[in-house]
């Protein structure tokens, strides 16, 4: 028998990212795990959901740009710090070595093995959160985390965030190939 949990979101754990933006001329970073893939066509779109109280929201709205940086496990302390300290009271611009790509107001973190530079496409206004949809303008990847030209998340070692248990998890290993294993399966008649 299944227990009812009153509509609780059970999609955790989710990858933890550092969202970069510029607020009042200063780079700021926010740890977020509510990140979504909008499509796998060109152009590519990604979404981030951020509570309206977050300082970074203003920078995203004003500059219409942001970055999504995927930190590895060894960055857990700095990443967690960016999630618990508000840019309203704490200058987070000097925590990381930064670089910029095509969009000047989307600061990216050099130490993150994967960074995506985004132009704001649309904002969906919810009562407590802003859902920012960004077009990925460019992706920057450390060559050391590539396998056959694709990002290898075993090499990235991302942090996975579990909201109900308030824990960071490690990525497991792949166990089979997508779009292959189901070819041999026959549903029971």
N, C-alpha and C. Protein backbone atom coordinates (compact mmCIF):
# COMPACT_ATOMS: atom_id res chain seq x y z
N UNK A 1 0.84 -1.18 0.00
CA UNK A 1 0.00 0.00 0.00
C UNK A 1 0.89 1.25 0.00
N UNK A 2 0.48 2.26 -0.75
CA UNK A 2 1.25 3.50 -0.83
C UNK A 2 0.70 4.52 0.16
N UNK A 3 1.62 5.28 0.73
CA UNK A 3 1.28 6.35 1.68
C UNK A 3 1.14 7.66 0.91
N UNK A 4 0.15 8.45 1.24
CA UNK A 4 -0.04 9.76 0.61
C UNK A 4 0.83 10.80 1.31
N UNK A 5 1.50 11.66 0.52
CA UNK A 5 2.37 12.70 1.06
C UNK A 5 1.87 14.11 0.73
N UNK A 6 0.61 14.25 0.38
CA UNK A 6 0.00 15.57 0.15
C UNK A 6 0.67 16.40 -0.94
N UNK A 7 0.92 15.82 -2.09
CA UNK A 7 1.45 16.58 -3.23
C UNK A 7 2.88 17.04 -3.08
N UNK A 8 3.71 16.31 -2.36
CA UNK A 8 5.11 16.66 -2.16
C UNK A 8 5.91 16.38 -3.44
N UNK A 9 6.81 17.28 -3.79
CA UNK A 9 7.69 17.09 -4.94
C UNK A 9 8.75 16.06 -4.58
N UNK A 10 8.78 14.96 -5.33
CA UNK A 10 9.74 13.87 -5.07
C UNK A 10 10.77 13.73 -6.18
N UNK A 11 11.10 14.82 -6.84
CA UNK A 11 12.11 14.78 -7.90
C UNK A 11 13.52 15.02 -7.38
N UNK A 12 13.67 15.21 -6.09
CA UNK A 12 15.01 15.38 -5.52
C UNK A 12 15.70 14.04 -5.48
N UNK A 13 17.04 13.98 -5.53
CA UNK A 13 17.97 15.11 -5.56
C UNK A 13 18.11 15.69 -6.97
N UNK A 14 18.46 16.97 -7.00
CA UNK A 14 18.64 17.73 -8.23
C UNK A 14 20.06 18.30 -8.25
N UNK A 15 20.61 18.54 -9.44
CA UNK A 15 21.94 19.14 -9.50
C UNK A 15 21.94 20.53 -8.86
N UNK A 16 22.97 20.82 -8.10
CA UNK A 16 23.16 22.14 -7.51
C UNK A 16 24.00 22.97 -8.47
N UNK A 17 23.56 24.19 -8.73
CA UNK A 17 24.32 25.09 -9.61
C UNK A 17 24.54 26.41 -8.89
N UNK A 18 25.47 27.17 -9.40
CA UNK A 18 25.69 28.54 -8.94
C UNK A 18 25.25 29.47 -10.06
N UNK A 19 24.24 30.27 -9.79
CA UNK A 19 23.73 31.21 -10.77
C UNK A 19 24.47 32.52 -10.59
N UNK A 20 25.04 33.00 -11.67
CA UNK A 20 25.80 34.26 -11.63
C UNK A 20 25.05 35.37 -12.32
N UNK A 21 25.07 36.54 -11.70
CA UNK A 21 24.48 37.73 -12.30
C UNK A 21 25.22 38.95 -11.75
N UNK A 22 24.83 40.11 -12.22
CA UNK A 22 25.41 41.36 -11.73
C UNK A 22 24.29 42.18 -11.13
N UNK A 23 24.48 42.60 -9.87
CA UNK A 23 23.50 43.44 -9.19
C UNK A 23 24.22 44.71 -8.75
N UNK A 24 23.69 45.84 -9.17
CA UNK A 24 24.30 47.15 -8.84
C UNK A 24 25.78 47.18 -9.21
N UNK A 25 26.12 46.61 -10.36
CA UNK A 25 27.48 46.65 -10.86
C UNK A 25 28.44 45.63 -10.26
N UNK A 26 27.95 44.77 -9.36
CA UNK A 26 28.81 43.80 -8.68
C UNK A 26 28.36 42.38 -8.98
N UNK A 27 29.29 41.48 -9.36
CA UNK A 27 28.92 40.08 -9.57
C UNK A 27 28.38 39.46 -8.28
N UNK A 28 27.37 38.61 -8.44
CA UNK A 28 26.77 37.92 -7.31
C UNK A 28 26.46 36.48 -7.73
N UNK A 29 26.51 35.58 -6.76
CA UNK A 29 26.26 34.16 -7.03
C UNK A 29 25.28 33.59 -6.02
N UNK A 30 24.39 32.76 -6.52
CA UNK A 30 23.35 32.14 -5.72
C UNK A 30 23.33 30.64 -6.01
N UNK A 31 23.35 29.83 -4.96
CA UNK A 31 23.23 28.37 -5.14
C UNK A 31 21.75 28.03 -5.33
N UNK A 32 21.47 27.30 -6.39
CA UNK A 32 20.10 26.90 -6.72
C UNK A 32 20.11 25.46 -7.19
N UNK A 33 19.08 24.71 -6.80
CA UNK A 33 18.92 23.35 -7.32
C UNK A 33 17.65 23.20 -8.15
N UNK A 34 16.85 24.23 -8.22
CA UNK A 34 15.62 24.16 -9.01
C UNK A 34 15.92 24.62 -10.43
N UNK A 35 16.54 23.73 -11.17
CA UNK A 35 16.99 24.00 -12.53
C UNK A 35 16.31 23.01 -13.46
N UNK A 36 15.91 23.47 -14.62
CA UNK A 36 15.22 22.58 -15.55
C UNK A 36 15.72 22.71 -16.96
N UNK A 37 15.62 21.62 -17.68
CA UNK A 37 15.93 21.60 -19.11
C UNK A 37 14.63 21.86 -19.86
N UNK A 38 14.63 22.85 -20.71
CA UNK A 38 13.41 23.19 -21.45
C UNK A 38 13.30 22.42 -22.76
N UNK A 39 14.46 22.13 -23.38
CA UNK A 39 14.44 21.44 -24.68
C UNK A 39 15.83 20.91 -25.00
N UNK A 40 15.92 20.14 -26.08
CA UNK A 40 17.23 19.67 -26.55
C UNK A 40 17.40 20.02 -28.03
N UNK A 41 16.77 21.11 -28.44
CA UNK A 41 16.89 21.59 -29.81
C UNK A 41 17.68 22.90 -29.77
N UNK A 42 18.03 23.40 -30.93
CA UNK A 42 18.74 24.66 -31.01
C UNK A 42 17.75 25.76 -31.34
N UNK A 43 17.69 26.87 -30.62
CA UNK A 43 18.52 27.19 -29.47
C UNK A 43 18.08 26.40 -28.24
N UNK A 44 19.02 26.20 -27.32
CA UNK A 44 18.77 25.47 -26.08
C UNK A 44 18.27 26.45 -25.01
N UNK A 45 17.27 26.00 -24.25
CA UNK A 45 16.73 26.82 -23.16
C UNK A 45 16.83 26.06 -21.85
N UNK A 46 17.06 26.81 -20.77
CA UNK A 46 17.18 26.25 -19.43
C UNK A 46 16.34 27.13 -18.51
N UNK A 47 15.82 26.55 -17.44
CA UNK A 47 15.04 27.35 -16.49
C UNK A 47 15.66 27.26 -15.10
N UNK A 48 15.52 28.35 -14.36
CA UNK A 48 15.89 28.35 -12.95
C UNK A 48 14.73 28.97 -12.18
N UNK A 49 14.43 28.41 -11.03
CA UNK A 49 13.36 28.93 -10.18
C UNK A 49 14.01 29.50 -8.93
N UNK A 50 13.72 30.76 -8.66
CA UNK A 50 14.35 31.46 -7.55
C UNK A 50 13.29 32.21 -6.75
N UNK A 51 13.31 32.03 -5.43
CA UNK A 51 12.36 32.74 -4.56
C UNK A 51 12.50 34.23 -4.78
N UNK A 52 11.38 34.94 -4.76
CA UNK A 52 11.38 36.38 -5.02
C UNK A 52 12.26 37.16 -4.05
N UNK A 53 12.52 36.62 -2.88
CA UNK A 53 13.33 37.33 -1.88
C UNK A 53 14.82 37.36 -2.24
N UNK A 54 15.23 36.53 -3.22
CA UNK A 54 16.66 36.46 -3.55
C UNK A 54 17.13 37.73 -4.25
N UNK A 55 18.26 38.19 -3.83
CA UNK A 55 18.93 39.39 -4.35
C UNK A 55 19.25 39.25 -5.84
N UNK A 56 19.64 38.06 -6.26
CA UNK A 56 20.04 37.82 -7.66
C UNK A 56 18.91 38.07 -8.65
N UNK A 57 17.67 37.89 -8.23
CA UNK A 57 16.54 38.06 -9.15
C UNK A 57 16.55 39.45 -9.80
N UNK A 58 16.87 40.46 -9.00
CA UNK A 58 16.90 41.82 -9.54
C UNK A 58 17.94 41.97 -10.64
N UNK A 59 19.12 41.36 -10.43
CA UNK A 59 20.17 41.42 -11.45
C UNK A 59 19.77 40.73 -12.73
N UNK A 60 19.11 39.59 -12.60
CA UNK A 60 18.65 38.86 -13.80
C UNK A 60 17.63 39.70 -14.55
N UNK A 61 16.68 40.26 -13.82
CA UNK A 61 15.62 41.06 -14.46
C UNK A 61 16.17 42.32 -15.12
N UNK A 62 17.09 43.01 -14.45
CA UNK A 62 17.62 44.26 -14.98
C UNK A 62 18.56 44.05 -16.16
N UNK A 63 19.46 43.07 -16.06
CA UNK A 63 20.47 42.86 -17.10
C UNK A 63 20.02 41.91 -18.20
N UNK A 64 18.98 41.12 -17.89
CA UNK A 64 18.42 40.12 -18.81
C UNK A 64 19.46 39.07 -19.21
N UNK A 65 20.39 38.79 -18.28
CA UNK A 65 21.40 37.76 -18.49
C UNK A 65 21.67 37.07 -17.16
N UNK A 66 22.22 35.86 -17.24
CA UNK A 66 22.68 35.13 -16.06
C UNK A 66 23.55 33.98 -16.53
N UNK A 67 24.32 33.43 -15.60
CA UNK A 67 25.11 32.24 -15.92
C UNK A 67 24.66 31.11 -15.02
N UNK A 68 24.84 29.89 -15.51
CA UNK A 68 24.58 28.68 -14.72
C UNK A 68 25.89 27.92 -14.69
N UNK A 69 26.47 27.82 -13.49
CA UNK A 69 27.78 27.21 -13.29
C UNK A 69 27.58 25.92 -12.51
N UNK A 70 28.14 24.83 -13.01
CA UNK A 70 28.00 23.54 -12.32
C UNK A 70 29.28 23.28 -11.53
N UNK A 71 29.19 23.43 -10.20
CA UNK A 71 30.38 23.18 -9.37
C UNK A 71 30.57 21.68 -9.14
N UNK A 72 31.79 21.29 -8.87
CA UNK A 72 32.07 19.90 -8.52
C UNK A 72 32.08 19.76 -7.01
N UNK A 73 32.11 18.51 -6.55
CA UNK A 73 32.06 18.20 -5.11
C UNK A 73 33.09 18.99 -4.30
N UNK A 74 34.26 19.21 -4.86
CA UNK A 74 35.31 19.89 -4.10
C UNK A 74 34.99 21.36 -3.85
N UNK A 75 33.91 21.87 -4.44
CA UNK A 75 33.48 23.25 -4.24
C UNK A 75 32.29 23.35 -3.28
N UNK A 76 32.03 22.28 -2.53
CA UNK A 76 30.81 22.22 -1.71
C UNK A 76 30.74 23.34 -0.67
N UNK A 77 31.82 23.68 -0.02
CA UNK A 77 31.77 24.71 1.02
C UNK A 77 31.44 26.08 0.43
N UNK A 78 32.11 26.45 -0.64
CA UNK A 78 31.85 27.75 -1.27
C UNK A 78 30.45 27.79 -1.87
N UNK A 79 30.01 26.68 -2.44
CA UNK A 79 28.67 26.60 -3.03
C UNK A 79 27.61 26.75 -1.94
N UNK A 80 27.75 26.02 -0.87
CA UNK A 80 26.80 26.09 0.23
C UNK A 80 26.77 27.51 0.82
N UNK A 81 27.93 28.12 0.95
CA UNK A 81 28.04 29.50 1.45
C UNK A 81 27.21 30.44 0.58
N UNK A 82 27.30 30.28 -0.74
CA UNK A 82 26.55 31.13 -1.66
C UNK A 82 25.04 30.92 -1.55
N UNK A 83 24.64 29.78 -1.01
CA UNK A 83 23.23 29.51 -0.81
C UNK A 83 22.70 30.01 0.52
N UNK A 84 23.57 30.20 1.49
CA UNK A 84 23.10 30.62 2.82
C UNK A 84 23.39 32.09 3.13
N UNK A 85 24.21 32.73 2.34
CA UNK A 85 24.52 34.15 2.54
C UNK A 85 23.88 34.97 1.41
N UNK A 86 23.16 36.01 1.77
CA UNK A 86 22.51 36.86 0.78
C UNK A 86 23.48 37.90 0.25
N UNK A 87 23.40 38.14 -1.04
CA UNK A 87 24.19 39.20 -1.66
C UNK A 87 23.79 40.59 -1.18
N UNK A 88 22.63 40.70 -0.54
CA UNK A 88 22.21 41.99 0.03
C UNK A 88 23.17 42.42 1.13
N UNK A 89 23.71 41.44 1.86
CA UNK A 89 24.56 41.74 3.02
C UNK A 89 25.99 41.25 2.85
N UNK A 90 26.24 40.38 1.87
CA UNK A 90 27.56 39.76 1.71
C UNK A 90 28.04 39.94 0.27
N UNK A 91 29.24 40.48 0.11
CA UNK A 91 29.83 40.63 -1.23
C UNK A 91 30.43 39.28 -1.63
N UNK A 92 29.82 38.62 -2.60
CA UNK A 92 30.30 37.31 -3.06
C UNK A 92 31.11 37.42 -4.35
N UNK A 93 31.43 38.65 -4.75
CA UNK A 93 32.12 38.87 -6.02
C UNK A 93 33.57 38.41 -6.02
N UNK A 94 34.17 38.25 -4.84
CA UNK A 94 35.60 37.90 -4.75
C UNK A 94 35.81 36.43 -4.36
N UNK A 95 34.75 35.67 -4.22
CA UNK A 95 34.87 34.27 -3.79
C UNK A 95 35.57 33.43 -4.86
N UNK A 96 35.24 33.70 -6.11
CA UNK A 96 35.72 32.88 -7.22
C UNK A 96 36.51 33.72 -8.22
N UNK A 97 37.39 33.05 -8.95
CA UNK A 97 38.01 33.69 -10.11
C UNK A 97 36.96 33.67 -11.22
N UNK A 98 36.70 34.82 -11.81
CA UNK A 98 35.61 34.96 -12.77
C UNK A 98 36.13 35.12 -14.19
N UNK A 99 35.26 34.83 -15.14
CA UNK A 99 35.52 35.16 -16.54
C UNK A 99 34.19 35.54 -17.18
N UNK A 100 34.28 36.21 -18.32
CA UNK A 100 33.09 36.64 -19.04
C UNK A 100 33.18 36.15 -20.48
N UNK A 101 32.04 35.89 -21.05
CA UNK A 101 31.96 35.49 -22.44
C UNK A 101 31.35 36.60 -23.27
N UNK A 102 30.32 36.26 -24.02
CA UNK A 102 29.67 37.22 -24.90
C UNK A 102 28.79 38.22 -24.15
N UNK A 103 28.24 37.80 -23.03
CA UNK A 103 27.31 38.64 -22.27
C UNK A 103 28.04 39.21 -21.05
N UNK A 104 28.19 40.50 -20.99
CA UNK A 104 29.00 41.12 -19.95
C UNK A 104 28.43 40.97 -18.54
N UNK A 105 27.11 40.89 -18.41
CA UNK A 105 26.49 40.83 -17.08
C UNK A 105 26.13 39.40 -16.68
N UNK A 106 26.87 38.44 -17.18
CA UNK A 106 26.68 37.03 -16.81
C UNK A 106 28.02 36.46 -16.36
N UNK A 107 28.48 36.86 -15.16
CA UNK A 107 29.79 36.39 -14.70
C UNK A 107 29.81 34.87 -14.53
N UNK A 108 30.91 34.25 -14.94
CA UNK A 108 31.04 32.80 -14.84
C UNK A 108 32.23 32.46 -13.96
N UNK A 109 32.19 31.27 -13.38
CA UNK A 109 33.18 30.84 -12.39
C UNK A 109 34.21 29.93 -13.05
N UNK A 110 35.45 30.37 -13.03
CA UNK A 110 36.54 29.62 -13.66
C UNK A 110 36.67 28.21 -13.09
N UNK A 111 36.49 28.02 -11.80
CA UNK A 111 36.69 26.72 -11.15
C UNK A 111 35.59 25.71 -11.46
N UNK A 112 34.45 26.16 -11.94
CA UNK A 112 33.37 25.23 -12.29
C UNK A 112 33.70 24.54 -13.61
N UNK A 113 33.63 23.21 -13.66
CA UNK A 113 33.99 22.50 -14.88
C UNK A 113 33.04 22.77 -16.05
N UNK A 114 31.80 23.17 -15.76
CA UNK A 114 30.82 23.47 -16.81
C UNK A 114 30.13 24.77 -16.45
N UNK A 115 30.07 25.69 -17.42
CA UNK A 115 29.36 26.95 -17.24
C UNK A 115 28.53 27.23 -18.49
N UNK A 116 27.36 27.79 -18.27
CA UNK A 116 26.48 28.15 -19.38
C UNK A 116 26.12 29.63 -19.25
N UNK A 117 26.30 30.34 -20.32
CA UNK A 117 26.03 31.77 -20.38
C UNK A 117 24.65 31.94 -21.02
N UNK A 118 23.74 32.61 -20.31
CA UNK A 118 22.34 32.66 -20.74
C UNK A 118 21.82 34.08 -20.92
N UNK A 119 20.99 34.23 -21.93
CA UNK A 119 20.26 35.48 -22.15
C UNK A 119 18.82 35.21 -21.71
N UNK A 120 18.26 36.09 -20.89
CA UNK A 120 16.90 35.90 -20.40
C UNK A 120 15.92 35.90 -21.56
N UNK A 121 15.15 34.85 -21.67
CA UNK A 121 14.14 34.71 -22.72
C UNK A 121 12.76 35.11 -22.20
N UNK A 122 12.45 34.63 -20.98
CA UNK A 122 11.12 34.89 -20.42
C UNK A 122 11.17 34.72 -18.91
N UNK A 123 10.33 35.47 -18.22
CA UNK A 123 10.16 35.31 -16.78
C UNK A 123 8.71 34.94 -16.52
N UNK A 124 8.51 33.88 -15.77
CA UNK A 124 7.16 33.48 -15.36
C UNK A 124 7.03 33.86 -13.89
N UNK A 125 6.04 34.66 -13.60
CA UNK A 125 5.84 35.23 -12.28
C UNK A 125 4.89 34.35 -11.46
N UNK A 126 5.44 33.67 -10.45
CA UNK A 126 4.63 32.91 -9.51
C UNK A 126 4.52 33.73 -8.22
N UNK A 127 3.60 33.36 -7.36
CA UNK A 127 3.36 34.13 -6.13
C UNK A 127 4.63 34.29 -5.29
N UNK A 128 5.39 33.21 -5.12
CA UNK A 128 6.57 33.25 -4.26
C UNK A 128 7.89 33.14 -5.00
N UNK A 129 7.85 32.77 -6.28
CA UNK A 129 9.08 32.52 -7.05
C UNK A 129 9.01 33.17 -8.43
N UNK A 130 10.18 33.44 -8.97
CA UNK A 130 10.31 33.82 -10.37
C UNK A 130 10.92 32.62 -11.09
N UNK A 131 10.34 32.25 -12.20
CA UNK A 131 10.91 31.21 -13.05
C UNK A 131 11.55 31.92 -14.23
N UNK A 132 12.88 31.87 -14.28
CA UNK A 132 13.62 32.52 -15.34
C UNK A 132 13.96 31.48 -16.41
N UNK A 133 13.59 31.76 -17.63
CA UNK A 133 13.93 30.89 -18.76
C UNK A 133 15.00 31.61 -19.56
N UNK A 134 16.12 30.94 -19.73
CA UNK A 134 17.22 31.56 -20.44
C UNK A 134 17.62 30.78 -21.67
N UNK A 135 17.98 31.49 -22.71
CA UNK A 135 18.56 30.88 -23.91
C UNK A 135 20.05 30.73 -23.66
N UNK A 136 20.55 29.52 -23.82
CA UNK A 136 21.98 29.29 -23.62
C UNK A 136 22.72 29.85 -24.84
N UNK A 137 23.49 30.91 -24.60
CA UNK A 137 24.23 31.58 -25.67
C UNK A 137 25.54 30.85 -25.95
N UNK A 138 26.19 30.40 -24.89
CA UNK A 138 27.45 29.67 -25.04
C UNK A 138 27.66 28.79 -23.81
N UNK A 139 28.32 27.66 -24.04
CA UNK A 139 28.67 26.75 -22.95
C UNK A 139 30.18 26.59 -22.96
N UNK A 140 30.76 26.66 -21.76
CA UNK A 140 32.21 26.54 -21.59
C UNK A 140 32.49 25.32 -20.71
N UNK A 141 33.36 24.44 -21.19
CA UNK A 141 33.61 23.18 -20.50
C UNK A 141 35.11 22.92 -20.41
N UNK A 142 35.55 22.50 -19.22
CA UNK A 142 36.94 22.07 -19.06
C UNK A 142 37.14 20.79 -19.88
N UNK A 143 38.18 20.74 -20.67
CA UNK A 143 38.44 19.56 -21.50
C UNK A 143 38.57 18.29 -20.67
N UNK A 144 39.01 18.42 -19.44
CA UNK A 144 39.22 17.25 -18.58
C UNK A 144 37.93 16.52 -18.21
N UNK A 145 36.77 17.16 -18.41
CA UNK A 145 35.50 16.49 -18.08
C UNK A 145 34.76 16.00 -19.32
N UNK A 146 35.44 16.02 -20.46
CA UNK A 146 34.83 15.54 -21.70
C UNK A 146 35.23 14.09 -21.96
N UNK A 147 34.27 13.33 -22.45
CA UNK A 147 34.53 11.98 -22.96
C UNK A 147 33.87 11.90 -24.32
N UNK A 148 34.67 11.66 -25.34
CA UNK A 148 34.20 11.61 -26.72
C UNK A 148 33.40 12.85 -27.10
N UNK A 149 33.87 14.01 -26.65
CA UNK A 149 33.26 15.28 -27.01
C UNK A 149 32.02 15.68 -26.23
N UNK A 150 31.59 14.86 -25.28
CA UNK A 150 30.40 15.17 -24.47
C UNK A 150 30.79 15.31 -23.00
N UNK A 151 30.02 16.10 -22.27
CA UNK A 151 30.28 16.26 -20.83
C UNK A 151 30.04 14.92 -20.15
N UNK A 152 31.02 14.49 -19.38
CA UNK A 152 30.95 13.23 -18.64
C UNK A 152 30.73 13.59 -17.17
N UNK A 153 29.51 13.40 -16.68
CA UNK A 153 29.18 13.86 -15.33
C UNK A 153 29.90 13.08 -14.24
N UNK A 154 30.39 11.91 -14.55
CA UNK A 154 31.22 11.19 -13.58
C UNK A 154 32.52 11.98 -13.35
N UNK A 155 33.01 12.64 -14.38
CA UNK A 155 34.22 13.46 -14.25
C UNK A 155 33.91 14.83 -13.65
N UNK A 156 32.73 15.37 -13.90
CA UNK A 156 32.33 16.66 -13.33
C UNK A 156 32.17 16.54 -11.82
N UNK A 157 31.62 15.41 -11.36
CA UNK A 157 31.33 15.18 -9.94
C UNK A 157 30.42 16.27 -9.37
N UNK A 158 29.21 16.42 -9.96
CA UNK A 158 28.31 17.46 -9.47
C UNK A 158 27.74 17.12 -8.10
N UNK A 159 27.28 18.15 -7.42
CA UNK A 159 26.60 17.97 -6.14
C UNK A 159 25.10 17.89 -6.42
N UNK A 160 24.44 16.92 -5.83
CA UNK A 160 23.00 16.78 -5.98
C UNK A 160 22.36 17.19 -4.67
N UNK A 161 21.33 18.04 -4.75
CA UNK A 161 20.69 18.61 -3.56
C UNK A 161 19.38 17.89 -3.27
N UNK A 162 19.19 17.52 -2.01
CA UNK A 162 17.98 16.83 -1.55
C UNK A 162 17.29 17.74 -0.54
N UNK A 163 16.26 18.47 -0.96
CA UNK A 163 15.57 19.43 -0.10
C UNK A 163 14.90 18.77 1.11
N UNK A 164 14.14 17.68 0.95
CA UNK A 164 13.46 17.12 2.13
C UNK A 164 14.43 16.68 3.23
N UNK A 165 15.58 16.15 2.86
CA UNK A 165 16.53 15.66 3.86
C UNK A 165 17.66 16.65 4.13
N UNK A 166 17.72 17.74 3.36
CA UNK A 166 18.76 18.78 3.49
C UNK A 166 20.16 18.17 3.45
N UNK A 167 20.41 17.44 2.36
CA UNK A 167 21.70 16.75 2.14
C UNK A 167 22.18 17.00 0.72
N UNK A 168 23.51 16.92 0.55
CA UNK A 168 24.10 16.86 -0.79
C UNK A 168 24.44 15.41 -1.06
N UNK A 169 24.18 14.96 -2.27
CA UNK A 169 24.44 13.59 -2.69
C UNK A 169 25.48 13.60 -3.80
N UNK A 170 26.09 12.42 -4.00
CA UNK A 170 27.00 12.21 -5.13
C UNK A 170 26.25 11.50 -6.24
N UNK A 171 26.74 11.68 -7.44
CA UNK A 171 26.19 11.02 -8.61
C UNK A 171 26.55 9.55 -8.60
N UNK A 172 25.62 8.70 -8.98
CA UNK A 172 25.90 7.26 -9.11
C UNK A 172 26.47 6.96 -10.49
N UNK A 173 26.46 5.70 -10.86
CA UNK A 173 27.02 5.30 -12.15
C UNK A 173 25.92 4.91 -13.11
N UNK A 174 26.14 5.06 -14.42
CA UNK A 174 25.14 4.60 -15.39
C UNK A 174 25.02 3.08 -15.33
N UNK A 175 23.83 2.56 -15.59
CA UNK A 175 23.66 1.12 -15.53
C UNK A 175 23.17 0.50 -16.83
N UNK A 176 22.73 1.32 -17.80
CA UNK A 176 22.34 0.77 -19.10
C UNK A 176 22.19 1.92 -20.09
N UNK A 177 21.97 1.60 -21.35
CA UNK A 177 21.83 2.61 -22.41
C UNK A 177 20.38 2.99 -22.62
N UNK A 178 20.15 4.31 -22.78
CA UNK A 178 18.81 4.80 -23.12
C UNK A 178 18.48 4.44 -24.56
N UNK A 179 17.23 4.30 -24.84
CA UNK A 179 16.70 4.07 -26.19
C UNK A 179 17.24 2.80 -26.81
N UNK A 180 17.69 1.87 -25.98
CA UNK A 180 18.18 0.58 -26.44
C UNK A 180 17.51 -0.57 -25.68
N UNK A 181 17.57 -0.47 -24.36
CA UNK A 181 17.10 -1.58 -23.52
C UNK A 181 15.62 -1.88 -23.72
N UNK A 182 14.85 -0.87 -24.01
CA UNK A 182 13.41 -1.05 -24.20
C UNK A 182 13.03 -1.72 -25.50
N UNK A 183 13.96 -1.79 -26.46
CA UNK A 183 13.65 -2.40 -27.76
C UNK A 183 13.32 -3.89 -27.64
N UNK A 184 13.92 -4.55 -26.67
CA UNK A 184 13.70 -5.99 -26.51
C UNK A 184 12.52 -6.31 -25.58
N UNK A 185 11.95 -5.30 -24.95
CA UNK A 185 10.86 -5.54 -23.99
C UNK A 185 9.52 -5.64 -24.69
N UNK A 186 8.73 -6.57 -24.29
CA UNK A 186 7.38 -6.77 -24.83
C UNK A 186 6.37 -6.64 -23.68
N UNK A 187 5.44 -5.71 -23.78
CA UNK A 187 4.44 -5.59 -22.73
C UNK A 187 3.55 -6.83 -22.69
N UNK A 188 3.12 -7.16 -21.48
CA UNK A 188 2.23 -8.32 -21.37
C UNK A 188 0.89 -7.97 -21.98
N UNK A 189 0.33 -8.91 -22.71
CA UNK A 189 -0.96 -8.70 -23.38
C UNK A 189 -2.10 -8.94 -22.42
